[in-house]
Amino acid sequence: MASPRTPASAPELPERNFQYCQVQYWDQRYKDAAGSGPYEWFGDFAFFRALLEPELCPEDRILVLGCGNSALSYELFLGGFPNVTSVDYSPVVVAAMQVRYAHVPSLRWETMDVRALDFPSGSFDVVLEKGTLDALLAGERDPWNVSSEGIHTVDQVLSEVSRVLVPGGRFISMTSAGPHFRIRHYAQSRYGWSLRHTTYGNGFHFHFYLMHKGRELTVAQLALGAQILSPRSPPASPCFLQDSDNEDFLSAIRL
């Protein structure tokens, strides 16, 4: 069996950004995933391990959203967190991951849309996502003014995350999206969580958001959340991706 750490070859990029939102693209991209190495969005486990591990307990039931062919779930297992369920809406990549990690029965892989999770409420202590929301929003024309469809898509995902988390559970999101774009989505009182932000990486900083279910948002965060439908002004000068990720769409969106 090939090592899960074998580097992946450069993926085939879509012709248009909106294709990142289509399962057909991912099925095609992952058709050879069983025999190839993992592809990591926004850094591998070593990039953010110092931020992530303090938020986890060995007995936690962990859900990974939009797992793709990342090694994150396996790295969590190796790090002492064995109860990991990973979902993706591409049946192709789920089947590939089931084959690749068949020797680790505690890792579970299921085909599922993150907008409609097929789990009972309160099923998980921790939910992780790394780049999944970025991909779902990649087709947006104006990152400063997300469409009503984009807002609804994010709300569907976050509502499901809140639902499947236990009281006191944690939602962790790793993304290229800075606070001026992403906090307005996360800072909604209906999700019932608090929000904290930090960064990781060298050169270009990726963003690490931590939400605790059962805690409260600050007044300032709630004010940002209330502006979700308000027009936004672009920054004076753009910031472009400079780190190891080479997906073209990542240098064009700031969601």
C-alpha atoms as a PDB file:
ATOM      1  CA  MET A   1       0.000   0.000   0.000  1.00  0.00           C
ATOM      2  CA  ALA A   2       1.308   3.468  -0.904  1.00  0.00           C
ATOM      3  CA  SER A   3       2.079   5.812   1.945  1.00  0.00           C
ATOM      4  CA  PRO A   4      -0.689   8.348   2.680  1.00  0.00           C
ATOM      5  CA  ARG A   5       2.080  10.951   2.752  1.00  0.00           C
ATOM      6  CA  THR A   6       3.044  10.438  -0.911  1.00  0.00           C
ATOM      7  CA  PRO A   7       2.813  13.899  -2.557  1.00  0.00           C
ATOM      8  CA  ALA A   8      -0.074  14.418  -4.943  1.00  0.00           C
ATOM      9  CA  SER A   9       0.468  15.530  -8.506  1.00  0.00           C
ATOM     10  CA  ALA A  10      -0.854  18.937  -9.535  1.00  0.00           C
ATOM     11  CA  PRO A  11      -4.646  18.716  -9.853  1.00  0.00           C
ATOM     12  CA  GLU A  12      -6.557  19.529 -13.023  1.00  0.00           C
ATOM     13  CA  LEU A  13      -8.030  22.999 -12.527  1.00  0.00           C
ATOM     14  CA  PRO A  14     -11.557  23.859 -13.672  1.00  0.00           C
ATOM     15  CA  GLU A  15     -12.107  26.221 -16.604  1.00  0.00           C
ATOM     16  CA  ARG A  16     -14.407  28.448 -14.511  1.00  0.00           C
ATOM     17  CA  ASN A  17     -14.477  29.098 -10.765  1.00  0.00           C
ATOM     18  CA  PHE A  18     -18.117  28.088 -10.390  1.00  0.00           C
ATOM     19  CA  GLN A  19     -17.149  24.516 -11.258  1.00  0.00           C
ATOM     20  CA  TYR A  20     -15.642  24.220  -7.769  1.00  0.00           C
ATOM     21  CA  CYS A  21     -19.269  24.128  -6.598  1.00  0.00           C
ATOM     22  CA  GLN A  22     -20.155  21.162  -8.813  1.00  0.00           C
ATOM     23  CA  VAL A  23     -19.819  17.549  -7.720  1.00  0.00           C
ATOM     24  CA  GLN A  24     -19.103  16.511 -11.321  1.00  0.00           C
ATOM     25  CA  TYR A  25     -15.855  18.471 -11.254  1.00  0.00           C
ATOM     26  CA  TRP A  26     -14.718  16.780  -8.041  1.00  0.00           C
ATOM     27  CA  ASP A  27     -15.685  13.311  -9.265  1.00  0.00           C
ATOM     28  CA  GLN A  28     -13.503  13.855 -12.322  1.00  0.00           C
ATOM     29  CA  ARG A  29     -10.669  15.360 -10.297  1.00  0.00           C
ATOM     30  CA  TYR A  30     -10.643  12.446  -7.857  1.00  0.00           C
ATOM     31  CA  LYS A  31     -11.030   9.616 -10.355  1.00  0.00           C
ATOM     32  CA  ASP A  32      -7.452   8.474  -9.626  1.00  0.00           C
ATOM     33  CA  ALA A  33      -7.428   9.451  -5.931  1.00  0.00           C
ATOM     34  CA  ALA A  34      -7.069   5.877  -4.668  1.00  0.00           C
ATOM     35  CA  GLY A  35      -3.592   5.635  -6.171  1.00  0.00           C
ATOM     36  CA  SER A  36      -2.371   9.177  -5.617  1.00  0.00           C
ATOM     37  CA  GLY A  37      -1.191  11.106  -2.585  1.00  0.00           C
ATOM     38  CA  PRO A  38      -3.228  13.656  -0.631  1.00  0.00           C
ATOM     39  CA  TYR A  39      -3.789  17.215  -1.758  1.00  0.00           C
ATOM     40  CA  GLU A  40      -3.866  19.785   1.040  1.00  0.00           C
ATOM     41  CA  TRP A  41      -5.686  23.095   0.991  1.00  0.00           C
ATOM     42  CA  PHE A  42      -4.207  25.872   3.146  1.00  0.00           C
ATOM     43  CA  GLY A  43      -1.394  23.770   4.533  1.00  0.00           C
ATOM     44  CA  ASP A  44      -1.031  20.307   5.978  1.00  0.00           C
ATOM     45  CA  PHE A  45      -1.492  19.261   9.604  1.00  0.00           C
ATOM     46  CA  ALA A  46       1.927  20.588  10.642  1.00  0.00           C
ATOM     47  CA  PHE A  47       0.915  24.107   9.589  1.00  0.00           C
ATOM     48  CA  PHE A  48      -1.874  24.451  12.149  1.00  0.00           C
ATOM     49  CA  ARG A  49      -1.274  21.628  14.612  1.00  0.00           C
ATOM     50  CA  ALA A  50      -0.241  24.002  17.425  1.00  0.00           C
ATOM     51  CA  LEU A  51      -3.577  25.803  17.085  1.00  0.00           C
ATOM     52  CA  LEU A  52      -5.785  22.759  16.594  1.00  0.00           C
ATOM     53  CA  GLU A  53      -4.583  20.221  19.147  1.00  0.00           C
ATOM     54  CA  PRO A  54      -5.274  22.365  22.254  1.00  0.00           C
ATOM     55  CA  GLU A  55      -8.940  22.475  21.198  1.00  0.00           C
ATOM     56  CA  LEU A  56      -9.261  18.679  20.960  1.00  0.00           C
ATOM     57  CA  CYS A  57      -9.636  15.843  23.463  1.00  0.00           C
ATOM     58  CA  PRO A  58      -8.716  12.214  22.691  1.00  0.00           C
ATOM     59  CA  GLU A  59     -12.304  11.085  23.267  1.00  0.00           C
ATOM     60  CA  ASP A  60     -13.837  13.734  20.974  1.00  0.00           C
ATOM     61  CA  ARG A  61     -16.149  12.642  18.188  1.00  0.00           C
ATOM     62  CA  ILE A  62     -14.770  14.636  15.250  1.00  0.00           C
ATOM     63  CA  LEU A  63     -16.497  15.403  11.942  1.00  0.00           C
ATOM     64  CA  VAL A  64     -14.458  16.587   8.941  1.00  0.00           C
ATOM     65  CA  LEU A  65     -16.515  18.382   6.281  1.00  0.00           C
ATOM     66  CA  GLY A  66     -15.588  18.189   2.601  1.00  0.00           C
ATOM     67  CA  CYS A  67     -12.657  15.902   3.312  1.00  0.00           C
ATOM     68  CA  GLY A  68     -11.546  15.437  -0.301  1.00  0.00           C
ATOM     69  CA  ASN A  69      -8.350  13.393  -0.435  1.00  0.00           C
ATOM     70  CA  SER A  70      -6.673  15.331   2.383  1.00  0.00           C
ATOM     71  CA  ALA A  71      -4.677  13.392   4.955  1.00  0.00           C
ATOM     72  CA  LEU A  72      -6.145  15.482   7.798  1.00  0.00           C
ATOM     73  CA  SER A  73      -8.374  12.726   9.161  1.00  0.00           C
ATOM     74  CA  TYR A  74      -5.503  10.240   9.153  1.00  0.00           C
ATOM     75  CA  GLU A  75      -3.174  12.771  10.773  1.00  0.00           C
ATOM     76  CA  LEU A  76      -5.743  13.290  13.524  1.00  0.00           C
ATOM     77  CA  PHE A  77      -5.779   9.538  14.092  1.00  0.00           C
ATOM     78  CA  LEU A  78      -1.990   9.437  14.296  1.00  0.00           C
ATOM     79  CA  GLY A  79      -2.096  12.375  16.699  1.00  0.00           C
ATOM     80  CA  GLY A  80      -4.239  10.503  19.204  1.00  0.00           C
ATOM     81  CA  PHE A  81      -7.741  11.457  18.052  1.00  0.00           C
ATOM     82  CA  PRO A  82      -9.134   8.202  16.663  1.00  0.00           C
ATOM     83  CA  ASN A  83     -12.877   8.903  16.442  1.00  0.00           C
ATOM     84  CA  VAL A  84     -13.074  10.721  13.117  1.00  0.00           C
ATOM     85  CA  THR A  85     -15.901  10.743  10.573  1.00  0.00           C
ATOM     86  CA  SER A  86     -15.162  12.369   7.211  1.00  0.00           C
ATOM     87  CA  VAL A  87     -17.777  13.370   4.647  1.00  0.00           C
ATOM     88  CA  ASP A  88     -17.663  14.580   1.065  1.00  0.00           C
ATOM     89  CA  TYR A  89     -20.353  14.822  -1.594  1.00  0.00           C
ATOM     90  CA  SER A  90     -18.103  13.155  -4.166  1.00  0.00           C
ATOM     91  CA  PRO A  91     -18.737   9.398  -3.983  1.00  0.00           C
ATOM     92  CA  VAL A  92     -15.578   8.927  -6.036  1.00  0.00           C
ATOM     93  CA  VAL A  93     -13.264  10.389  -3.421  1.00  0.00           C
ATOM     94  CA  VAL A  94     -15.131   8.763  -0.530  1.00  0.00           C
ATOM     95  CA  ALA A  95     -14.638   5.332  -2.122  1.00  0.00           C
ATOM     96  CA  ALA A  96     -10.954   6.124  -2.697  1.00  0.00           C
ATOM     97  CA  MET A  97     -10.441   7.142   0.925  1.00  0.00           C
ATOM     98  CA  GLN A  98     -12.199   4.025   2.173  1.00  0.00           C
ATOM     99  CA  VAL A  99      -9.688   1.967   0.201  1.00  0.00           C
ATOM    100  CA  ARG A 100      -6.640   4.034   1.186  1.00  0.00           C
ATOM    101  CA  TYR A 101      -7.385   3.881   4.913  1.00  0.00           C
ATOM    102  CA  ALA A 102      -9.020   0.468   5.118  1.00  0.00           C
ATOM    103  CA  HIS A 103      -6.317  -0.469   7.643  1.00  0.00           C
ATOM    104  CA  VAL A 104      -7.717   2.150  10.078  1.00  0.00           C
ATOM    105  CA  PRO A 105     -11.259   0.999  10.920  1.00  0.00           C
ATOM    106  CA  SER A 106     -11.892   3.845  13.373  1.00  0.00           C
ATOM    107  CA  LEU A 107     -11.797   6.295  10.453  1.00  0.00           C
ATOM    108  CA  ARG A 108     -15.219   6.465   8.803  1.00  0.00           C
ATOM    109  CA  TRP A 109     -15.915   7.887   5.347  1.00  0.00           C
ATOM    110  CA  GLU A 110     -19.389   8.792   4.110  1.00  0.00           C
ATOM    111  CA  THR A 111     -20.870  10.388   1.006  1.00  0.00           C
ATOM    112  CA  MET A 112     -22.847  13.381   2.202  1.00  0.00           C
ATOM    113  CA  ASP A 113     -23.679  16.984   1.290  1.00  0.00           C
ATOM    114  CA  VAL A 114     -22.472  19.350   4.006  1.00  0.00           C
ATOM    115  CA  ARG A 115     -25.619  21.442   3.486  1.00  0.00           C
ATOM    116  CA  ALA A 116     -27.822  18.548   4.633  1.00  0.00           C
ATOM    117  CA  LEU A 117     -25.939  16.276   7.041  1.00  0.00           C
ATOM    118  CA  ASP A 118     -27.482  12.890   7.708  1.00  0.00           C
ATOM    119  CA  PHE A 119     -26.556  12.797  11.392  1.00  0.00           C
ATOM    120  CA  PRO A 120     -28.744  13.216  14.481  1.00  0.00           C
ATOM    121  CA  SER A 121     -28.502  16.494  16.359  1.00  0.00           C
ATOM    122  CA  GLY A 122     -25.698  16.611  18.922  1.00  0.00           C
ATOM    123  CA  SER A 123     -23.655  13.841  17.271  1.00  0.00           C
ATOM    124  CA  PHE A 124     -20.208  15.478  17.409  1.00  0.00           C
ATOM    125  CA  ASP A 125     -17.922  17.279  19.810  1.00  0.00           C
ATOM    126  CA  VAL A 126     -15.867  18.919  17.068  1.00  0.00           C
ATOM    127  CA  VAL A 127     -16.555  19.840  13.441  1.00  0.00           C
ATOM    128  CA  LEU A 128     -13.657  20.811  11.147  1.00  0.00           C
ATOM    129  CA  GLU A 129     -13.643  22.335   7.699  1.00  0.00           C
ATOM    130  CA  LYS A 130     -10.619  23.342   5.634  1.00  0.00           C
ATOM    131  CA  GLY A 131     -11.396  25.074   2.358  1.00  0.00           C
ATOM    132  CA  THR A 132     -14.889  23.635   1.940  1.00  0.00           C
ATOM    133  CA  LEU A 133     -16.684  26.950   2.318  1.00  0.00           C
ATOM    134  CA  ASP A 134     -14.094  28.596   0.065  1.00  0.00           C
ATOM    135  CA  ALA A 135     -14.909  26.103  -2.686  1.00  0.00           C
ATOM    136  CA  LEU A 136     -18.669  26.565  -2.270  1.00  0.00           C
ATOM    137  CA  LEU A 137     -18.239  30.323  -2.643  1.00  0.00           C
ATOM    138  CA  ALA A 138     -15.684  30.231  -5.446  1.00  0.00           C
ATOM    139  CA  GLY A 139     -18.248  31.168  -8.098  1.00  0.00           C
ATOM    140  CA  GLU A 140     -19.154  34.472  -6.469  1.00  0.00           C
ATOM    141  CA  ARG A 141     -18.697  37.421  -8.840  1.00  0.00           C
ATOM    142  CA  ASP A 142     -18.163  40.063  -6.152  1.00  0.00           C
ATOM    143  CA  PRO A 143     -16.508  38.919  -2.931  1.00  0.00           C
ATOM    144  CA  TRP A 144     -17.440  42.204  -1.249  1.00  0.00           C
ATOM    145  CA  ASN A 145     -21.130  41.644  -1.926  1.00  0.00           C
ATOM    146  CA  VAL A 146     -21.919  37.943  -1.659  1.00  0.00           C
ATOM    147  CA  SER A 147     -25.056  36.944  -3.544  1.00  0.00           C
ATOM    148  CA  SER A 148     -28.190  35.858  -1.711  1.00  0.00           C
ATOM    149  CA  GLU A 149     -27.523  32.354  -3.013  1.00  0.00           C
ATOM    150  CA  GLY A 150     -24.022  32.396  -1.551  1.00  0.00           C
ATOM    151  CA  ILE A 151     -25.279  33.673   1.789  1.00  0.00           C
ATOM    152  CA  HIS A 152     -27.925  30.951   1.831  1.00  0.00           C
ATOM    153  CA  THR A 153     -25.373  28.257   1.007  1.00  0.00           C
ATOM    154  CA  VAL A 154     -23.104  29.282   3.873  1.00  0.00           C
ATOM    155  CA  ASP A 155     -26.088  29.501   6.219  1.00  0.00           C
ATOM    156  CA  GLN A 156     -27.157  25.980   5.269  1.00  0.00           C
ATOM    157  CA  VAL A 157     -23.706  24.638   6.163  1.00  0.00           C
ATOM    158  CA  LEU A 158     -23.347  26.587   9.403  1.00  0.00           C
ATOM    159  CA  SER A 159     -26.872  25.715  10.532  1.00  0.00           C
ATOM    160  CA  GLU A 160     -26.080  22.046  10.047  1.00  0.00           C
ATOM    161  CA  VAL A 161     -22.774  22.407  11.890  1.00  0.00           C
ATOM    162  CA  SER A 162     -24.513  24.022  14.859  1.00  0.00           C
ATOM    163  CA  ARG A 163     -27.193  21.335  14.833  1.00  0.00           C
ATOM    164  CA  VAL A 164     -24.821  18.346  14.933  1.00  0.00           C
ATOM    165  CA  LEU A 165     -22.570  19.881  17.607  1.00  0.00           C
ATOM    166  CA  VAL A 166     -23.157  19.052  21.263  1.00  0.00           C
ATOM    167  CA  PRO A 167     -23.454  21.928  23.766  1.00  0.00           C
ATOM    168  CA  GLY A 168     -19.883  23.000  24.401  1.00  0.00           C
ATOM    169  CA  GLY A 169     -18.814  21.635  21.017  1.00  0.00           C
ATOM    170  CA  ARG A 170     -16.302  23.389  18.777  1.00  0.00           C
ATOM    171  CA  PHE A 171     -16.435  24.340  15.127  1.00  0.00           C
ATOM    172  CA  ILE A 172     -13.065  25.056  13.526  1.00  0.00           C
ATOM    173  CA  SER A 173     -12.769  26.617  10.079  1.00  0.00           C
ATOM    174  CA  MET A 174      -9.491  27.018   8.175  1.00  0.00           C
ATOM    175  CA  THR A 175      -9.647  29.258   5.141  1.00  0.00           C
ATOM    176  CA  SER A 176      -8.056  31.923   2.981  1.00  0.00           C
ATOM    177  CA  ALA A 177     -10.887  34.299   3.933  1.00  0.00           C
ATOM    178  CA  GLY A 178      -9.957  37.151   6.232  1.00  0.00           C
ATOM    179  CA  PRO A 179     -12.157  38.435   9.069  1.00  0.00           C
ATOM    180  CA  HIS A 180     -13.622  41.290   7.012  1.00  0.00           C
ATOM    181  CA  PHE A 181     -15.255  38.687   4.769  1.00  0.00           C
ATOM    182  CA  ARG A 182     -15.897  35.629   6.921  1.00  0.00           C
ATOM    183  CA  ILE A 183     -16.862  36.985  10.367  1.00  0.00           C
ATOM    184  CA  ARG A 184     -20.107  38.421   9.005  1.00  0.00           C
ATOM    185  CA  HIS A 185     -21.175  34.879   8.077  1.00  0.00           C
ATOM    186  CA  TYR A 186     -20.100  33.236  11.336  1.00  0.00           C
ATOM    187  CA  ALA A 187     -21.366  35.981  13.662  1.00  0.00           C
ATOM    188  CA  GLN A 188     -25.046  35.031  13.683  1.00  0.00           C
ATOM    189  CA  SER A 189     -26.714  34.549  17.053  1.00  0.00           C
ATOM    190  CA  ARG A 190     -28.915  31.730  15.737  1.00  0.00           C
ATOM    191  CA  TYR A 191     -25.888  29.432  15.602  1.00  0.00           C
ATOM    192  CA  GLY A 192     -25.430  29.772  19.348  1.00  0.00           C
ATOM    193  CA  TRP A 193     -21.653  30.057  19.450  1.00  0.00           C
ATOM    194  CA  SER A 194     -18.810  32.435  20.235  1.00  0.00           C
ATOM    195  CA  LEU A 195     -16.111  33.317  17.724  1.00  0.00           C
ATOM    196  CA  ARG A 196     -12.349  33.690  17.883  1.00  0.00           C
ATOM    197  CA  HIS A 197      -9.904  34.287  15.041  1.00  0.00           C
ATOM    198  CA  THR A 198      -6.172  33.835  14.548  1.00  0.00           C
ATOM    199  CA  THR A 199      -3.813  33.179  11.652  1.00  0.00           C
ATOM    200  CA  TYR A 200      -1.196  30.590  10.684  1.00  0.00           C
ATOM    201  CA  GLY A 201       1.333  29.987   7.931  1.00  0.00           C
ATOM    202  CA  ASN A 202       4.460  31.665   6.606  1.00  0.00           C
ATOM    203  CA  GLY A 203       4.337  34.627   4.259  1.00  0.00           C
ATOM    204  CA  PHE A 204       0.666  34.666   3.367  1.00  0.00           C
ATOM    205  CA  HIS A 205      -1.370  33.956   6.491  1.00  0.00           C
ATOM    206  CA  PHE A 206      -4.279  31.572   6.372  1.00  0.00           C
ATOM    207  CA  HIS A 207      -7.127  32.070   8.812  1.00  0.00           C
ATOM    208  CA  PHE A 208      -8.209  29.883  11.725  1.00  0.00           C
ATOM    209  CA  TYR A 209     -11.675  30.486  13.184  1.00  0.00           C
ATOM    210  CA  LEU A 210     -12.785  28.818  16.409  1.00  0.00           C
ATOM    211  CA  MET A 211     -16.429  28.756  17.469  1.00  0.00           C
ATOM    212  CA  HIS A 212     -17.618  27.427  20.848  1.00  0.00           C
ATOM    213  CA  LYS A 213     -21.259  26.351  20.968  1.00  0.00           C
ATOM    214  CA  GLY A 214     -22.991  27.645  24.080  1.00  0.00           C
ATOM    215  CA  ARG A 215     -20.916  30.814  24.375  1.00  0.00           C
ATOM    216  CA  GLU A 216     -21.877  34.276  23.182  1.00  0.00           C
ATOM    217  CA  LEU A 217     -20.717  36.555  20.410  1.00  0.00           C
ATOM    218  CA  THR A 218     -19.436  40.000  21.280  1.00  0.00           C
ATOM    219  CA  VAL A 219     -21.476  43.113  20.536  1.00  0.00           C
ATOM    220  CA  ALA A 220     -18.983  44.069  17.832  1.00  0.00           C
ATOM    221  CA  GLN A 221     -19.254  40.649  16.191  1.00  0.00           C
ATOM    222  CA  LEU A 222     -23.056  40.775  16.238  1.00  0.00           C
ATOM    223  CA  ALA A 223     -22.885  44.176  14.555  1.00  0.00           C
ATOM    224  CA  LEU A 224     -20.748  42.675  11.784  1.00  0.00           C
ATOM    225  CA  GLY A 225     -23.177  39.795  11.428  1.00  0.00           C
ATOM    226  CA  ALA A 226     -26.048  42.241  11.025  1.00  0.00           C
ATOM    227  CA  GLN A 227     -24.296  43.710   7.985  1.00  0.00           C
ATOM    228  CA  ILE A 228     -24.396  40.475   5.994  1.00  0.00           C
ATOM    229  CA  LEU A 229     -26.657  42.011   3.336  1.00  0.00           C
ATOM    230  CA  SER A 230     -25.044  45.459   3.407  1.00  0.00           C
ATOM    231  CA  PRO A 231     -22.891  46.584   0.445  1.00  0.00           C
ATOM    232  CA  ARG A 232     -19.179  46.529   1.209  1.00  0.00           C
ATOM    233  CA  SER A 233     -16.382  48.700  -0.160  1.00  0.00           C
ATOM    234  CA  PRO A 234     -13.249  47.014  -1.558  1.00  0.00           C
ATOM    235  CA  PRO A 235      -9.859  47.602   0.096  1.00  0.00           C
ATOM    236  CA  ALA A 236      -7.464  50.243  -1.196  1.00  0.00           C
ATOM    237  CA  SER A 237      -5.045  47.591  -2.464  1.00  0.00           C
ATOM    238  CA  PRO A 238      -5.596  43.838  -2.947  1.00  0.00           C
ATOM    239  CA  CYS A 239      -3.604  41.113  -1.220  1.00  0.00           C
ATOM    240  CA  PHE A 240      -2.639  38.158  -3.383  1.00  0.00           C
ATOM    241  CA  LEU A 241      -1.911  34.583  -2.397  1.00  0.00           C
ATOM    242  CA  GLN A 242       1.804  33.962  -1.996  1.00  0.00           C
ATOM    243  CA  ASP A 243       2.116  30.647  -0.213  1.00  0.00           C
ATOM    244  CA  SER A 244       2.304  27.056  -1.435  1.00  0.00           C
ATOM    245  CA  ASP A 245      -1.290  26.609  -2.658  1.00  0.00           C
ATOM    246  CA  ASN A 246      -1.419  26.928  -6.415  1.00  0.00           C
ATOM    247  CA  GLU A 247      -5.151  26.716  -7.110  1.00  0.00           C
ATOM    248  CA  ASP A 248      -5.849  29.636  -9.448  1.00  0.00           C
ATOM    249  CA  PHE A 249      -9.150  30.561  -7.862  1.00  0.00           C
ATOM    250  CA  LEU A 250      -7.544  31.186  -4.482  1.00  0.00           C
ATOM    251  CA  SER A 251      -5.744  34.282  -5.743  1.00  0.00           C
ATOM    252  CA  ALA A 252      -8.999  35.702  -7.076  1.00  0.00           C
ATOM    253  CA  ILE A 253     -11.371  35.347  -4.124  1.00  0.00           C
ATOM    254  CA  ARG A 254     -11.314  36.798  -0.620  1.00  0.00           C
ATOM    255  CA  LEU A 255     -14.457  35.332   0.911  1.00  0.00           C
END
